[in-house]
Protein backbone atom coordinates (compact mmCIF):
# COMPACT_ATOMS: atom_id res chain seq x y z
CA ILE A 1 17.01 0.24 -6.07
CA PHE A 2 18.03 2.74 -3.39
CA HIS A 3 15.42 3.37 -0.64
CA ALA A 4 13.59 0.25 -1.79
CA ASN A 5 10.60 0.51 0.54
CA VAL A 6 10.03 4.21 -0.20
CA ILE A 7 10.19 3.70 -3.98
CA GLY A 8 8.21 0.48 -3.60
CA ASN A 9 5.38 2.33 -1.89
CA VAL A 10 5.21 4.84 -4.73
CA LEU A 11 5.13 2.04 -7.30
CA ALA A 12 2.42 0.05 -5.49
CA ILE A 13 0.13 3.06 -5.04
CA SER A 14 0.81 3.96 -8.69
CA ILE A 15 -0.55 0.56 -9.70
CA LEU A 16 -3.67 1.26 -7.63
CA LEU A 17 -4.04 4.55 -9.50
CA CYS A 18 -3.73 2.55 -12.72
CA SER A 19 -6.77 0.52 -11.65
CA ILE A 20 -8.69 3.80 -11.39
CA ILE A 21 -7.52 4.72 -14.90
CA ILE A 22 -8.90 1.37 -16.06
CA LEU A 23 -12.25 1.96 -14.39
CA HIS A 24 -12.42 5.29 -16.20
CA GLY A 25 -12.48 3.40 -19.49
CA LYS A 26 -8.76 3.40 -20.40
CA PRO A 27 -7.71 -0.20 -19.71
CA VAL A 28 -4.75 -0.40 -22.14
CA ILE A 29 -2.81 2.56 -20.77
CA GLY A 30 -3.74 1.51 -17.23
CA ILE A 31 -2.44 -2.05 -17.63
CA PHE A 32 0.66 -0.88 -19.51
CA LEU A 33 1.67 1.52 -16.73
CA ALA A 34 0.75 -1.00 -14.02
CA ALA A 35 2.86 -3.73 -15.62
CA PHE A 36 5.77 -1.33 -16.06
CA ALA A 37 5.59 -0.28 -12.39
CA ALA A 38 5.34 -3.91 -11.26
CA ILE A 39 8.45 -4.90 -13.23
CA ILE A 40 10.41 -2.04 -11.66
CA GLY A 41 9.00 -2.99 -8.26
CA PHE A 42 10.47 -6.48 -8.57
CA PHE A 43 13.96 -4.96 -8.56
CA THR A 44 13.42 -3.17 -5.24
CA PHE A 45 14.29 -6.45 -3.47
CA SER A 46 11.58 -5.58 -0.93
CA LYS A 47 9.10 -8.15 0.35
CA GLY A 48 6.55 -5.47 1.18
CA THR A 49 6.78 -4.03 -2.33
CA TRP A 50 6.37 -7.44 -3.93
CA LEU A 51 3.27 -8.13 -1.84
CA MET A 52 1.70 -4.71 -2.46
CA CYS A 53 2.38 -4.84 -6.20
CA ALA A 54 0.84 -8.32 -6.43
CA PHE A 55 -2.35 -7.20 -4.66
CA ALA A 56 -2.49 -4.00 -6.73
CA LEU A 57 -2.14 -5.98 -9.99
CA ILE A 58 -5.04 -8.19 -8.94
CA ALA A 59 -7.04 -5.00 -8.34
CA CYS A 60 -6.18 -3.93 -11.91
CA HIS A 61 -7.38 -7.29 -13.21
CA LEU A 62 -10.66 -6.86 -11.33
CA ALA A 63 -11.00 -3.37 -12.81
CA VAL A 64 -10.64 -4.77 -16.34
CA THR A 65 -13.14 -7.53 -15.54
CA ALA A 66 -15.58 -4.97 -14.11
CA LEU A 67 -15.85 -3.33 -17.54
CA GLN A 68 -17.82 -6.39 -18.65
CA GLY A 69 -20.61 -5.52 -16.29
CA SER A 70 -21.61 -2.38 -18.18
CA LYS A 71 -22.71 -1.55 -21.72
CA ILE A 72 -19.49 -0.70 -23.49
CA SER A 73 -18.62 0.13 -27.07
CA ARG A 74 -16.91 -2.24 -29.46
CA ALA A 75 -13.74 -0.12 -29.32
CA LEU A 76 -13.63 -0.35 -25.52
CA ARG A 77 -14.27 -4.09 -25.74
CA TRP A 78 -11.22 -4.48 -27.98
CA ARG A 79 -9.13 -2.40 -25.55
CA GLN A 80 -10.30 -4.75 -22.84
CA TYR A 81 -9.06 -7.75 -24.85
CA VAL A 82 -5.70 -6.04 -25.40
CA SER A 83 -5.48 -5.45 -21.64
CA TYR A 84 -6.08 -9.13 -20.95
CA ALA A 85 -3.36 -9.99 -23.48
CA MET A 86 -0.90 -7.66 -21.72
CA LEU A 87 -1.69 -9.21 -18.34
CA SER A 88 -1.23 -12.66 -19.85
CA LEU A 89 2.12 -11.58 -21.29
CA LEU A 90 3.22 -10.37 -17.84
CA ALA A 91 2.13 -13.67 -16.27
CA TYR A 92 3.95 -15.62 -19.01
CA GLY A 93 7.12 -13.63 -18.40
CA ALA A 94 6.96 -14.44 -14.69
CA PHE A 95 6.41 -18.12 -15.53
CA HIS A 96 9.18 -18.20 -18.13
CA PHE A 97 11.71 -16.74 -15.69
CA ARG A 98 10.25 -18.62 -12.71
CA GLU A 99 13.58 -20.15 -11.70
CA VAL A 100 15.28 -16.76 -11.52
CA VAL A 101 12.30 -15.25 -9.73
CA TRP A 102 12.22 -18.09 -7.21
CA ARG A 103 15.95 -17.80 -6.55
CA ILE A 104 15.60 -14.09 -5.87
CA ILE A 105 12.70 -14.71 -3.48
CA LEU A 106 14.67 -17.39 -1.64
CA ALA A 107 17.68 -15.06 -1.46
CA LYS A 108 15.49 -12.35 0.08
CA ILE A 109 14.07 -14.79 2.63
CA ALA A 110 17.60 -15.91 3.53
CA ALA A 111 18.77 -12.31 3.84
CA THR A 112 15.82 -11.50 6.11
CA ASP A 113 16.96 -14.10 8.66
CA PHE A 114 13.67 -14.42 10.54
CA GLU A 115 15.23 -16.19 13.53
CA ALA A 116 17.91 -13.55 14.18
CA SER A 117 17.37 -10.90 16.85
CA ALA A 118 17.56 -7.19 16.12
CA VAL A 119 21.05 -7.10 17.64
CA GLU A 120 22.10 -9.93 15.32
CA GLY A 121 20.79 -8.06 12.28
CA GLY A 122 17.37 -9.64 11.85
CA SER A 123 15.17 -7.17 9.96
CA VAL A 124 11.89 -8.67 11.20
CA SER A 125 13.07 -8.56 14.82
CA ALA A 126 14.32 -5.01 14.30
CA ARG A 127 10.93 -3.89 12.98
CA TRP A 128 9.16 -5.61 15.85
CA GLY A 129 11.50 -3.95 18.34
CA LEU A 130 10.80 -0.53 16.84
CA ILE A 131 7.06 -1.15 17.10
CA MET A 132 7.39 -2.28 20.73
CA SER A 133 9.36 0.89 21.41
CA ALA A 134 6.53 2.98 19.89
CA ILE A 135 3.98 1.20 22.07
CA ARG A 136 6.06 1.94 25.18
CA MET A 137 6.23 5.59 24.12
CA PHE A 138 2.45 5.64 23.82
CA LEU A 139 2.08 4.20 27.32
CA MET A 140 4.43 6.89 28.64
CA ASN A 141 2.08 9.63 27.38
CA PRO A 142 -1.15 8.26 25.85
CA LEU A 143 -2.62 11.70 25.18
CA LEU A 144 0.19 13.47 23.31
CA GLY A 145 2.90 10.86 22.79
CA VAL A 146 6.56 11.76 23.20
CA GLY A 147 6.69 14.35 20.41
CA ILE A 148 7.20 14.13 16.66
CA SER A 149 10.97 14.66 16.75
CA ASN A 150 11.70 12.62 19.86
CA TYR A 151 11.37 9.03 18.66
CA GLU A 152 15.10 8.42 18.20
CA TYR A 153 16.00 9.93 21.58
CA VAL A 154 13.32 8.05 23.54
CA ASN A 155 14.02 4.84 21.63
CA ARG A 156 17.62 4.96 22.88
CA MET A 157 16.35 5.58 26.40
CA LEU A 158 14.36 2.33 26.14
CA GLU A 159 17.35 0.25 25.01
CA SER A 160 17.74 -1.56 28.34
CA GLN A 161 14.01 -2.42 28.43
CA LEU A 162 13.93 -3.69 24.86
CA GLY A 163 17.04 -5.85 25.21
CA ASP A 164 17.82 -7.88 22.08
CA ALA A 165 14.81 -6.32 20.35
CA PHE A 166 16.42 -2.86 20.41
CA TYR A 167 17.30 -1.30 17.07
CA ASP A 168 18.63 2.22 16.69
CA ASP A 169 16.45 4.20 14.28
CA ASP A 170 14.67 7.56 14.17
CA ASN A 171 11.22 6.08 13.44
CA PRO A 172 9.37 2.76 13.84
CA ASN A 173 9.18 2.21 10.05
CA SER A 174 5.41 2.43 10.40
CA ALA A 175 3.20 5.47 9.94
CA TRP A 176 0.58 3.98 12.25
CA PHE A 177 2.91 3.34 15.17
CA TYR A 178 4.80 6.58 14.58
CA VAL A 179 1.57 8.51 15.06
CA LEU A 180 0.63 6.41 18.10
CA GLY A 181 3.99 6.71 19.87
CA CYS A 182 4.92 10.27 18.96
CA MET A 183 1.52 12.01 18.73
CA GLY A 184 -0.74 10.05 21.07
CA LEU A 185 -4.17 8.46 20.89
CA PRO A 186 -6.22 11.45 19.56
CA ALA A 187 -3.88 11.85 16.58
CA PHE A 188 -3.93 8.09 16.00
CA VAL A 189 -7.75 8.10 15.95
CA CYS A 190 -7.76 11.00 13.47
CA PHE A 191 -5.27 9.20 11.23
CA ALA A 192 -7.40 6.05 11.39
CA LEU A 193 -10.49 8.08 10.43
CA VAL A 194 -8.65 9.34 7.34
CA PHE A 195 -7.90 5.74 6.38
CA PHE A 196 -11.49 4.61 6.90
CA SER A 197 -12.70 7.62 4.90
CA CYS A 198 -10.48 6.43 2.06
CA ILE A 199 -12.04 2.96 2.24
CA LYS A 200 -15.52 4.50 2.40
CA PHE A 201 -14.83 6.56 -0.72
CA LEU A 202 -13.97 3.34 -2.54
CA ASN A 203 -17.66 2.43 -2.45
CA GLY A 204 -18.06 5.02 -5.20
CA VAL A 205 -16.02 3.08 -7.75
CA PRO A 206 -18.09 2.19 -10.85
CA ILE A 207 -18.15 -1.58 -10.35
CA GLN A 208 -21.66 -3.01 -10.69
CA SER A 209 -20.99 -6.42 -9.17
CA ALA A 210 -21.12 -6.18 -5.37
CA ASN A 211 -18.75 -9.14 -4.95
CA ILE A 212 -16.12 -7.77 -7.32
CA ARG A 213 -16.41 -4.33 -5.75
CA ALA A 214 -15.96 -5.75 -2.25
CA PHE A 215 -12.91 -7.73 -3.38
CA TYR A 216 -11.48 -4.65 -5.10
CA VAL A 217 -12.02 -2.47 -2.03
CA GLY A 218 -10.42 -5.12 0.18
CA LEU A 219 -7.32 -5.29 -2.02
CA VAL A 220 -6.90 -1.50 -2.13
CA GLY A 221 -7.35 -1.28 1.64
CA LEU A 222 -4.84 -4.07 2.17
CA VAL A 223 -2.23 -2.32 0.02
CA ILE A 224 -2.73 0.92 1.96
CA ILE A 225 -2.42 -0.87 5.33
CA ILE A 226 0.80 -2.60 4.25
CA SER A 227 2.09 0.68 2.84
CA GLY A 228 1.58 2.41 6.17
CA ASN A 229 3.25 -0.39 8.09
CA VAL A 230 6.50 -0.64 6.14
CA GLN A 231 7.35 3.07 5.97
CA ARG A 232 6.65 6.27 7.87
CA GLU A 233 6.63 8.24 4.59
CA MET A 234 2.93 7.55 4.13
CA LEU A 235 2.32 10.58 6.38
CA THR A 236 4.00 13.08 4.08
CA ALA A 237 4.44 11.42 0.68
CA TYR A 238 2.17 12.79 -2.03
CA TYR A 239 0.94 9.47 -3.42
CA TYR A 240 -1.39 8.53 -0.55
CA TRP A 241 -3.03 11.95 -0.38
CA VAL A 242 -3.42 12.13 -4.16
CA LEU A 243 -5.18 8.74 -4.05
CA LEU A 244 -7.40 9.97 -1.22
CA GLY A 245 -8.25 13.14 -3.16
CA ILE A 246 -9.14 11.21 -6.32
CA LEU A 247 -11.40 8.85 -4.37
CA ALA A 248 -13.07 11.77 -2.57
CA ARG A 249 -13.77 13.46 -5.91
CA TRP A 250 -15.13 10.19 -7.26
CA GLN A 251 -17.48 9.92 -4.27
CA LEU A 252 -18.73 13.49 -4.75
CA HIS A 253 -19.32 12.80 -8.45
CA ARG A 254 -21.35 9.68 -7.60
CA LEU A 255 -23.42 11.52 -4.99
CA HIS A 256 -24.04 14.40 -7.40
CA PHE A 257 -25.59 12.10 -9.99
CA SER A 258 -27.41 10.01 -7.38
CA TYR A 259 -28.98 13.06 -5.72
CA PRO A 260 -29.11 15.88 -8.31
CA MET A 261 -29.42 19.37 -6.91
CA THR A 262 -32.60 21.30 -7.68
CA GLN A 263 -32.65 24.91 -8.74
């Protein structure tokens, strides 16, 4: 799939949104869409996408399980059973084609070439070099960074300092380090506050069990962190901000019913 990491981010966040659909009492459609997105995500040939989709699917499973903690109708209970059956079918498919899946994973690991430098084509080394370049940019101007459009130019200026870690690109492939290097510390703090607000809003999800809720929040937060560290598009792509808006609305709804307004 072209632009694998970009599409992979959309798919992973979509699966997280499916977990919200499940928690709203529609587990069958939520699991169906999540499974469909996960299958497409496998063909991105992206390690980050695979990891995010796996965590997001676990979040969906927790969402289905959380429905047991509340008084639900017989119809919803049957939809819950159907959801478990669909998840089991997805797991069986992965097990049935395990040899093909494992070969693809090994091929991706071989293609990554962890030991190669950025100059030699190592993707991990290239990403690390881009991050180191962003950190150097931050140190050059901690308050304002080097400017939103100047990453590529300054990165080339730092080629001699980076050595074998240098990789020519117009961004560090990380929203976090792009903000840090190009916009400075105040912008980085603001961006971090947005992320922590998103995690805070997750406390409003209707999961009665504190342990399951904590696990669910941790998985969602982990997917978002990975998402922001494999692509810069998290800054402008709609999916992250839609998720944030949904969670904010959920939090307001919870507070409204917890503290009803008086006339």
